[in-house]
Amino acid sequence: MADQRLELTETDSAGNALATYIASPTDSKGVCRVDIIEPTTKRPWQRLLDVFLPAGYPHSVTDDYLEFVHPHHI
């Protein structure tokens, strides 16, 4: 069992992969290596938008989402 690789994928609440963690088998000294693989790199402006948008946007919202957050009547 010590020779098996362990892989864990972290997801947001919409099920989108945030990162994959891969633990390689321990070496003779008992040291285990863990690699973190992130999905395709987002541009800085995309990462900034992620702060303000719901997880998984636009697939995680209904068709009336924009109307809800920015109503035409004030």
N, C-alpha and C. Protein backbone atom coordinates (compact mmCIF):
# COMPACT_ATOMS: atom_id res chain seq x y z
N MET A 1 0.82 -1.20 0.00
CA MET A 1 0.00 0.00 0.00
C MET A 1 0.86 1.26 0.00
N ALA A 2 2.07 1.18 0.54
CA ALA A 2 2.93 2.35 0.60
C ALA A 2 3.40 2.78 -0.79
N ASP A 3 3.32 1.85 -1.77
CA ASP A 3 3.75 2.18 -3.12
C ASP A 3 2.66 2.80 -3.97
N GLN A 4 1.47 2.96 -3.43
CA GLN A 4 0.37 3.53 -4.20
C GLN A 4 0.40 5.05 -4.17
N ARG A 5 0.00 5.62 -5.27
CA ARG A 5 -0.09 7.07 -5.38
C ARG A 5 -1.47 7.49 -4.91
N LEU A 6 -1.55 8.59 -4.18
CA LEU A 6 -2.81 9.13 -3.69
C LEU A 6 -3.11 10.41 -4.45
N GLU A 7 -4.32 10.51 -4.98
CA GLU A 7 -4.72 11.70 -5.75
C GLU A 7 -6.03 12.23 -5.19
N LEU A 8 -6.06 13.53 -4.93
CA LEU A 8 -7.24 14.18 -4.35
C LEU A 8 -7.52 15.44 -5.16
N THR A 9 -8.77 15.62 -5.57
CA THR A 9 -9.16 16.81 -6.32
C THR A 9 -10.04 17.69 -5.45
N GLU A 10 -9.66 18.94 -5.31
CA GLU A 10 -10.43 19.93 -4.56
C GLU A 10 -11.36 20.65 -5.53
N THR A 11 -12.64 20.75 -5.17
CA THR A 11 -13.60 21.43 -6.03
C THR A 11 -14.32 22.53 -5.27
N ASP A 12 -14.89 23.48 -6.03
CA ASP A 12 -15.71 24.52 -5.41
C ASP A 12 -17.13 23.99 -5.26
N SER A 13 -18.02 24.82 -4.74
CA SER A 13 -19.39 24.37 -4.48
C SER A 13 -20.16 24.05 -5.75
N ALA A 14 -19.66 24.49 -6.91
CA ALA A 14 -20.32 24.18 -8.18
C ALA A 14 -19.72 22.94 -8.84
N GLY A 15 -18.72 22.34 -8.19
CA GLY A 15 -18.11 21.13 -8.72
C GLY A 15 -16.95 21.37 -9.67
N ASN A 16 -16.50 22.60 -9.81
CA ASN A 16 -15.36 22.91 -10.67
C ASN A 16 -14.07 22.61 -9.95
N ALA A 17 -13.13 21.99 -10.64
CA ALA A 17 -11.84 21.63 -10.04
C ALA A 17 -11.04 22.89 -9.73
N LEU A 18 -10.58 22.99 -8.48
CA LEU A 18 -9.71 24.10 -8.08
C LEU A 18 -8.25 23.68 -8.10
N ALA A 19 -7.99 22.46 -7.67
CA ALA A 19 -6.62 21.94 -7.65
C ALA A 19 -6.67 20.43 -7.47
N THR A 20 -5.63 19.76 -7.96
CA THR A 20 -5.47 18.33 -7.75
C THR A 20 -4.17 18.12 -6.99
N TYR A 21 -4.23 17.35 -5.91
CA TYR A 21 -3.07 17.06 -5.08
C TYR A 21 -2.68 15.61 -5.32
N ILE A 22 -1.42 15.39 -5.67
CA ILE A 22 -0.94 14.04 -5.94
C ILE A 22 0.22 13.74 -4.99
N ALA A 23 0.02 12.73 -4.13
CA ALA A 23 1.06 12.31 -3.20
C ALA A 23 1.74 11.07 -3.77
N SER A 24 3.03 11.20 -4.03
CA SER A 24 3.82 10.08 -4.54
C SER A 24 4.20 9.17 -3.38
N PRO A 25 4.52 7.91 -3.67
CA PRO A 25 4.92 6.99 -2.60
C PRO A 25 6.14 7.52 -1.83
N THR A 26 6.23 7.15 -0.58
CA THR A 26 7.36 7.59 0.24
C THR A 26 8.64 6.94 -0.24
N ASP A 27 9.75 7.65 -0.06
CA ASP A 27 11.04 7.08 -0.44
C ASP A 27 11.62 6.29 0.72
N SER A 28 12.84 5.86 0.58
CA SER A 28 13.47 5.03 1.61
C SER A 28 13.65 5.76 2.94
N LYS A 29 13.61 7.08 2.91
CA LYS A 29 13.75 7.88 4.13
C LYS A 29 12.39 8.23 4.74
N GLY A 30 11.31 7.76 4.11
CA GLY A 30 9.97 8.04 4.62
C GLY A 30 9.42 9.38 4.19
N VAL A 31 10.03 9.99 3.17
CA VAL A 31 9.59 11.29 2.70
C VAL A 31 8.60 11.10 1.55
N CYS A 32 7.49 11.80 1.62
CA CYS A 32 6.45 11.74 0.59
C CYS A 32 6.41 13.08 -0.14
N ARG A 33 6.34 13.01 -1.45
CA ARG A 33 6.27 14.23 -2.25
C ARG A 33 4.81 14.49 -2.61
N VAL A 34 4.37 15.76 -2.47
CA VAL A 34 3.01 16.13 -2.84
C VAL A 34 3.10 17.23 -3.90
N ASP A 35 2.52 16.94 -5.07
CA ASP A 35 2.47 17.91 -6.16
C ASP A 35 1.07 18.51 -6.21
N ILE A 36 0.99 19.80 -6.48
CA ILE A 36 -0.29 20.50 -6.61
C ILE A 36 -0.43 20.93 -8.06
N ILE A 37 -1.49 20.44 -8.70
CA ILE A 37 -1.74 20.78 -10.09
C ILE A 37 -3.00 21.63 -10.15
N GLU A 38 -2.84 22.85 -10.64
CA GLU A 38 -3.99 23.74 -10.77
C GLU A 38 -4.50 23.68 -12.20
N PRO A 39 -5.82 23.88 -12.39
CA PRO A 39 -6.34 23.88 -13.76
C PRO A 39 -5.73 25.02 -14.55
N THR A 40 -6.05 25.08 -15.81
CA THR A 40 -5.47 26.10 -16.68
C THR A 40 -5.40 27.45 -15.97
N THR A 41 -4.31 28.11 -16.15
CA THR A 41 -4.07 29.38 -15.48
C THR A 41 -5.02 30.45 -15.99
N LYS A 42 -5.60 31.16 -15.06
CA LYS A 42 -6.50 32.26 -15.42
C LYS A 42 -5.69 33.55 -15.49
N ARG A 43 -6.16 34.43 -16.31
CA ARG A 43 -5.53 35.75 -16.40
C ARG A 43 -5.89 36.54 -15.14
N PRO A 44 -5.08 37.55 -14.79
CA PRO A 44 -5.34 38.32 -13.57
C PRO A 44 -6.75 38.90 -13.49
N TRP A 45 -7.28 39.40 -14.59
CA TRP A 45 -8.62 39.99 -14.56
C TRP A 45 -9.67 38.91 -14.30
N GLN A 46 -9.43 37.67 -14.75
CA GLN A 46 -10.37 36.59 -14.49
C GLN A 46 -10.36 36.21 -13.02
N ARG A 47 -9.18 36.20 -12.42
CA ARG A 47 -9.08 35.89 -10.98
C ARG A 47 -9.76 36.98 -10.16
N LEU A 48 -9.66 38.23 -10.59
CA LEU A 48 -10.32 39.33 -9.90
C LEU A 48 -11.84 39.18 -9.97
N LEU A 49 -12.35 38.82 -11.12
CA LEU A 49 -13.79 38.62 -11.27
C LEU A 49 -14.29 37.48 -10.39
N ASP A 50 -13.49 36.44 -10.19
CA ASP A 50 -13.89 35.30 -9.36
C ASP A 50 -14.25 35.72 -7.94
N VAL A 51 -13.66 36.81 -7.46
CA VAL A 51 -13.94 37.30 -6.12
C VAL A 51 -15.40 37.78 -6.02
N PHE A 52 -15.91 38.33 -7.09
CA PHE A 52 -17.24 38.94 -7.08
C PHE A 52 -18.35 38.05 -7.63
N LEU A 53 -18.00 36.99 -8.32
CA LEU A 53 -19.00 36.13 -8.94
C LEU A 53 -19.19 34.85 -8.14
N PRO A 54 -20.38 34.25 -8.23
CA PRO A 54 -20.62 32.99 -7.52
C PRO A 54 -19.73 31.87 -8.07
N ALA A 55 -19.44 30.89 -7.25
CA ALA A 55 -18.63 29.74 -7.68
C ALA A 55 -19.28 29.08 -8.88
N GLY A 56 -18.48 28.82 -9.90
CA GLY A 56 -18.97 28.14 -11.09
C GLY A 56 -19.69 29.02 -12.09
N TYR A 57 -19.69 30.34 -11.87
CA TYR A 57 -20.36 31.26 -12.80
C TYR A 57 -19.78 31.07 -14.19
N PRO A 58 -20.55 31.05 -15.23
CA PRO A 58 -21.97 31.32 -15.36
C PRO A 58 -22.84 30.06 -15.28
N HIS A 59 -22.22 28.88 -15.17
CA HIS A 59 -22.99 27.63 -15.20
C HIS A 59 -23.76 27.38 -13.91
N SER A 60 -23.42 28.09 -12.84
CA SER A 60 -24.05 27.82 -11.55
C SER A 60 -25.22 28.75 -11.23
N VAL A 61 -25.57 29.65 -12.16
CA VAL A 61 -26.65 30.60 -11.89
C VAL A 61 -27.80 30.39 -12.87
N THR A 62 -28.97 30.87 -12.50
CA THR A 62 -30.13 30.78 -13.38
C THR A 62 -30.13 31.92 -14.38
N ASP A 63 -31.00 31.82 -15.38
CA ASP A 63 -31.06 32.83 -16.44
C ASP A 63 -31.38 34.23 -15.92
N ASP A 64 -32.07 34.33 -14.79
CA ASP A 64 -32.45 35.65 -14.28
C ASP A 64 -31.44 36.23 -13.28
N TYR A 65 -30.25 35.64 -13.19
CA TYR A 65 -29.25 36.08 -12.21
C TYR A 65 -28.87 37.55 -12.39
N LEU A 66 -28.52 37.96 -13.60
CA LEU A 66 -28.09 39.34 -13.82
C LEU A 66 -29.21 40.33 -13.51
N GLU A 67 -30.45 39.95 -13.82
CA GLU A 67 -31.58 40.82 -13.49
C GLU A 67 -31.73 40.94 -11.97
N PHE A 68 -31.46 39.87 -11.27
CA PHE A 68 -31.57 39.87 -9.82
C PHE A 68 -30.52 40.75 -9.16
N VAL A 69 -29.27 40.68 -9.62
CA VAL A 69 -28.20 41.46 -8.99
C VAL A 69 -28.12 42.89 -9.51
N HIS A 70 -28.73 43.16 -10.66
CA HIS A 70 -28.71 44.50 -11.21
C HIS A 70 -30.09 44.83 -11.76
N PRO A 71 -31.06 45.08 -10.86
CA PRO A 71 -32.42 45.35 -11.30
C PRO A 71 -32.51 46.64 -12.11
N HIS A 72 -33.44 46.68 -13.03
CA HIS A 72 -33.60 47.86 -13.89
C HIS A 72 -34.29 49.00 -13.15
N HIS A 73 -35.04 48.68 -12.14
CA HIS A 73 -35.71 49.74 -11.38
C HIS A 73 -34.98 49.98 -10.05
N ILE A 74 -34.82 51.22 -9.71
CA ILE A 74 -34.13 51.57 -8.46
C ILE A 74 -35.04 52.41 -7.62
